[in-house]
Amino acid sequence: MSKRNKLMKFSDILRYPNVIENYNHRDPKLLGENGEEVERKGVWAKTQFLNTHPITLELACGRGEYTLPLARKYPDRNFIGVDVKGARIWKGATIALEEDLKNVAFLRTRIEQLELFFSPEEVEEIWITFPDPFPSKENRRLTASTFINIYRKVLKKGGILHFKTDATDLFEYSVDVLKADPDVEILYLNRDIYADSELYVPELAFKTYYEKMHLAKQKTIKYLQCTIH
């Protein structure tokens, strides 16, 4: 992507009402439409979506390839895609505006900072789909115990975490981490979701760009669902 194209996208999302940004990880300030400072912690549903519906996060959402279909399927829920890359968020945010999906927003920030922008128990569900497996940096994996502790701070008690990947090492690592946590209960685990005649939850039918690519290489898709207390 050219520098000019990136700058144009950054300029676009600065004007988007469905994109909230934090530019400096040392300063927990959120900026909304036209760069105006906004407050969202504890009041996302009320101030961003103008309702009281439950909130689902897609972490490392990229172009919002799960955020968007989830929002289309469940209009009575709110969905927030979280990613640090503004150029990626631009795509999903643009589509959401074009389709008038009022239950979609995007938060541009580091996932390590979630607790700065969400109150305890403000989130009901989290989706993590095809994250970077970080083969040599386990502490950066989105299922590392440090991240699970962050999710615990914003999820409702008994809130749901969905995890979907093609990466075998990452999946087995994640299973070990979650099983070792006394406050986590694994509800469902499948190392080849398409081997079954029926998907565990219908949302698994949504396929990201990376999933389609992995399936073309005949990789198996793994999924687990757990609650975090």
Protein backbone atom coordinates (compact mmCIF):
# COMPACT_ATOMS: atom_id res chain seq x y z
CA MET A 1 0.00 0.00 0.00
CA SER A 2 1.37 3.40 -0.97
CA LYS A 3 2.05 6.03 1.67
CA ARG A 4 -0.47 8.32 -0.04
CA ASN A 5 -3.17 5.66 0.09
CA LYS A 6 -2.52 5.07 3.80
CA LEU A 7 -2.70 8.77 4.55
CA MET A 8 -6.02 9.02 2.70
CA LYS A 9 -7.43 6.17 4.79
CA PHE A 10 -6.20 7.75 8.02
CA SER A 11 -7.87 10.97 6.94
CA ASP A 12 -11.11 9.11 6.23
CA ILE A 13 -11.35 7.32 9.56
CA LEU A 14 -10.66 10.55 11.39
CA ARG A 15 -14.06 11.69 10.05
CA TYR A 16 -15.85 8.38 10.59
CA PRO A 17 -18.43 8.32 13.39
CA ASN A 18 -17.91 4.58 13.89
CA VAL A 19 -14.14 4.72 14.56
CA ILE A 20 -12.70 5.62 17.95
CA GLU A 21 -8.93 6.01 18.23
CA ASN A 22 -6.18 6.18 20.81
CA TYR A 23 -2.99 7.55 19.27
CA ASN A 24 -0.64 7.34 22.23
CA HIS A 25 -0.49 4.25 24.44
CA ARG A 26 0.91 6.41 27.25
CA ASP A 27 -2.14 8.69 27.17
CA PRO A 28 -5.51 6.87 27.54
CA LYS A 29 -7.41 9.48 25.58
CA LEU A 30 -9.99 8.49 22.98
CA LEU A 31 -10.73 10.56 19.91
CA GLY A 32 -13.87 10.19 17.86
CA GLU A 33 -15.36 11.87 14.82
CA ASN A 34 -13.29 14.82 13.55
CA GLY A 35 -10.70 14.24 16.26
CA GLU A 36 -12.97 15.26 19.15
CA GLU A 37 -12.16 13.73 22.52
CA VAL A 38 -14.83 11.28 23.65
CA GLU A 39 -15.57 9.18 26.73
CA ARG A 40 -16.57 5.58 26.15
CA LYS A 41 -15.37 3.55 29.13
CA GLY A 42 -18.42 2.09 30.85
CA VAL A 43 -20.85 3.75 28.44
CA TRP A 44 -20.10 2.21 25.03
CA ALA A 45 -23.63 0.96 24.47
CA LYS A 46 -25.23 4.22 25.58
CA THR A 47 -22.93 6.74 23.90
CA GLN A 48 -21.67 4.92 20.79
CA PHE A 49 -24.67 2.77 19.87
CA LEU A 50 -27.45 4.66 21.65
CA ASN A 51 -28.89 1.48 23.15
CA THR A 52 -28.43 -1.01 25.98
CA HIS A 53 -27.55 -4.08 23.92
CA PRO A 54 -24.71 -6.45 24.91
CA ILE A 55 -21.22 -5.90 23.49
CA THR A 56 -19.02 -8.34 21.59
CA LEU A 57 -15.38 -7.60 20.73
CA GLU A 58 -13.38 -8.95 17.80
CA LEU A 59 -9.71 -8.64 18.75
CA ALA A 60 -7.03 -8.09 16.10
CA CYS A 61 -10.01 -7.59 13.83
CA GLY A 62 -8.11 -6.47 10.73
CA ARG A 63 -10.72 -5.51 8.17
CA GLY A 64 -13.55 -6.60 10.46
CA GLU A 65 -14.16 -9.88 8.68
CA TYR A 66 -15.96 -11.28 11.73
CA THR A 67 -17.26 -8.02 13.14
CA LEU A 68 -19.33 -7.28 10.03
CA PRO A 69 -21.08 -10.64 9.51
CA LEU A 70 -21.75 -10.91 13.25
CA ALA A 71 -23.39 -7.49 13.17
CA ARG A 72 -25.51 -8.43 10.17
CA LYS A 73 -26.66 -11.64 11.83
CA TYR A 74 -27.36 -10.14 15.24
CA PRO A 75 -28.83 -6.62 14.91
CA ASP A 76 -29.82 -6.67 18.59
CA ARG A 77 -26.17 -6.84 19.72
CA ASN A 78 -23.30 -4.35 19.49
CA PHE A 79 -19.96 -5.29 17.90
CA ILE A 80 -16.60 -3.56 18.25
CA GLY A 81 -13.57 -4.53 16.18
CA VAL A 82 -10.27 -3.77 17.89
CA ASP A 83 -7.00 -3.38 16.00
CA VAL A 84 -3.95 -1.14 16.13
CA LYS A 85 -3.74 -0.75 12.35
CA GLY A 86 -5.83 2.14 11.07
CA ALA A 87 -5.49 1.20 7.40
CA ARG A 88 -7.02 -2.21 8.16
CA ILE A 89 -9.87 -0.79 10.21
CA TRP A 90 -10.71 1.60 7.35
CA LYS A 91 -12.07 -1.23 5.20
CA GLY A 92 -14.47 -2.61 7.79
CA ALA A 93 -15.56 0.82 8.97
CA THR A 94 -16.24 1.94 5.40
CA ILE A 95 -18.38 -1.12 4.68
CA ALA A 96 -20.29 -0.64 7.94
CA LEU A 97 -21.12 2.94 6.98
CA GLU A 98 -22.11 1.98 3.44
CA GLU A 99 -24.46 -0.72 4.81
CA ASP A 100 -25.72 1.54 7.61
CA LEU A 101 -24.75 -1.01 10.25
CA LYS A 102 -25.43 1.05 13.34
CA ASN A 103 -24.39 -1.77 15.69
CA VAL A 104 -20.76 -1.72 14.50
CA ALA A 105 -17.83 0.35 15.75
CA PHE A 106 -14.07 0.05 15.58
CA LEU A 107 -11.53 0.88 18.26
CA ARG A 108 -7.99 1.60 17.15
CA THR A 109 -5.72 0.78 20.06
CA ARG A 110 -3.41 -1.87 21.47
CA ILE A 111 -5.19 -4.91 22.90
CA GLU A 112 -2.99 -4.63 26.00
CA GLN A 113 -4.94 -1.44 26.79
CA LEU A 114 -8.47 -2.84 26.76
CA GLU A 115 -9.04 -2.23 30.46
CA LEU A 116 -8.32 1.46 29.94
CA PHE A 117 -11.28 1.79 27.61
CA PHE A 118 -13.79 -0.74 28.96
CA SER A 119 -15.21 -1.00 32.45
CA PRO A 120 -15.34 -4.29 34.36
CA GLU A 121 -18.01 -6.61 32.94
CA GLU A 122 -18.84 -4.23 30.08
CA VAL A 123 -18.15 -6.90 27.46
CA GLU A 124 -20.17 -10.09 27.05
CA GLU A 125 -18.22 -11.95 24.35
CA ILE A 126 -14.80 -11.91 22.68
CA TRP A 127 -13.84 -13.40 19.33
CA ILE A 128 -10.22 -14.08 18.35
CA THR A 129 -9.94 -15.38 14.81
CA PHE A 130 -6.70 -16.36 13.06
CA PRO A 131 -4.33 -14.20 15.11
CA ASP A 132 -0.60 -14.05 14.51
CA PRO A 133 0.77 -17.31 16.03
CA PHE A 134 4.06 -15.64 17.08
CA PRO A 135 6.11 -18.88 16.91
CA SER A 136 9.04 -17.45 18.86
CA LYS A 137 7.21 -14.96 21.13
CA GLU A 138 4.66 -16.82 23.24
CA ASN A 139 4.05 -13.78 25.46
CA ARG A 140 2.63 -11.92 22.45
CA ARG A 141 0.07 -14.57 21.63
CA LEU A 142 -3.47 -13.34 22.25
CA THR A 143 -4.19 -16.44 24.33
CA ALA A 144 -1.18 -16.00 26.62
CA SER A 145 -2.10 -15.82 30.31
CA THR A 146 -1.28 -12.09 30.40
CA PHE A 147 -3.95 -11.46 27.78
CA ILE A 148 -6.45 -13.80 29.43
CA ASN A 149 -6.07 -11.70 32.59
CA ILE A 150 -6.84 -8.58 30.57
CA TYR A 151 -9.97 -10.14 29.10
CA ARG A 152 -11.04 -11.20 32.58
CA LYS A 153 -11.07 -7.54 33.63
CA VAL A 154 -13.55 -6.44 30.96
CA LEU A 155 -15.69 -9.56 30.44
CA LYS A 156 -18.83 -10.25 32.41
CA LYS A 157 -18.49 -13.12 34.87
CA GLY A 158 -18.92 -16.23 32.80
CA GLY A 159 -18.36 -14.23 29.60
CA ILE A 160 -17.56 -16.19 26.46
CA LEU A 161 -14.25 -16.33 24.60
CA HIS A 162 -14.24 -17.80 21.07
CA PHE A 163 -10.91 -18.80 19.53
CA LYS A 164 -10.50 -19.96 15.92
CA THR A 165 -7.21 -20.75 14.16
CA ASP A 166 -5.44 -23.05 11.71
CA ALA A 167 -2.16 -22.97 13.68
CA THR A 168 -1.70 -26.27 15.50
CA ASP A 169 1.08 -25.13 17.84
CA LEU A 170 -0.86 -22.01 18.80
CA PHE A 171 -4.04 -23.99 19.40
CA GLU A 172 -2.37 -26.59 21.61
CA TYR A 173 -0.56 -23.85 23.52
CA SER A 174 -3.88 -22.06 24.03
CA VAL A 175 -5.59 -25.21 25.27
CA ASP A 176 -2.80 -25.74 27.81
CA VAL A 177 -2.98 -22.13 29.03
CA LEU A 178 -6.75 -22.21 29.44
CA LYS A 179 -6.83 -25.62 31.13
CA ALA A 180 -4.24 -24.40 33.63
CA ASP A 181 -6.40 -21.42 34.62
CA PRO A 182 -8.76 -22.39 37.48
CA ASP A 183 -11.17 -19.63 36.51
CA VAL A 184 -11.57 -20.80 32.93
CA GLU A 185 -13.98 -23.51 31.79
CA ILE A 186 -13.59 -24.91 28.28
CA LEU A 187 -17.10 -25.52 26.94
CA TYR A 188 -16.21 -26.90 23.52
CA LEU A 189 -13.04 -27.88 21.68
CA ASN A 190 -12.65 -29.18 18.13
CA ARG A 191 -9.43 -29.62 16.15
CA ASP A 192 -11.22 -29.96 12.80
CA ILE A 193 -14.53 -28.13 12.81
CA TYR A 194 -15.46 -28.99 9.23
CA ALA A 195 -15.08 -32.73 9.82
CA ASP A 196 -18.44 -32.64 11.60
CA SER A 197 -21.74 -32.55 9.75
CA GLU A 198 -22.90 -29.56 11.76
CA LEU A 199 -21.01 -26.58 13.16
CA TYR A 200 -21.09 -26.07 16.92
CA VAL A 201 -22.25 -22.47 16.49
CA PRO A 202 -23.48 -20.95 13.21
CA GLU A 203 -20.97 -18.10 13.43
CA LEU A 204 -18.20 -20.57 12.59
CA ALA A 205 -19.43 -20.50 9.01
CA PHE A 206 -18.03 -16.99 8.61
CA LYS A 207 -14.69 -17.24 6.79
CA THR A 208 -11.96 -14.62 6.84
CA TYR A 209 -9.47 -14.05 4.06
CA TYR A 210 -6.88 -16.04 5.98
CA GLU A 211 -9.24 -18.92 6.66
CA LYS A 212 -10.08 -19.26 2.98
CA MET A 213 -6.37 -19.24 2.21
CA HIS A 214 -5.64 -21.90 4.83
CA LEU A 215 -8.51 -24.10 3.64
CA ALA A 216 -7.17 -23.89 0.09
CA LYS A 217 -3.95 -25.38 1.46
CA GLN A 218 -6.05 -28.13 3.10
CA LYS A 219 -5.27 -27.04 6.64
CA THR A 220 -7.71 -27.98 9.37
CA ILE A 221 -9.53 -25.25 11.27
CA LYS A 222 -9.57 -25.46 15.04
CA TYR A 223 -11.97 -23.82 17.48
CA LEU A 224 -12.60 -23.63 21.17
CA GLN A 225 -15.12 -21.84 23.31
CA CYS A 226 -14.64 -21.12 26.99
CA THR A 227 -16.00 -19.04 29.81
CA ILE A 228 -13.76 -16.81 31.90
CA HIS A 229 -14.73 -16.08 35.51
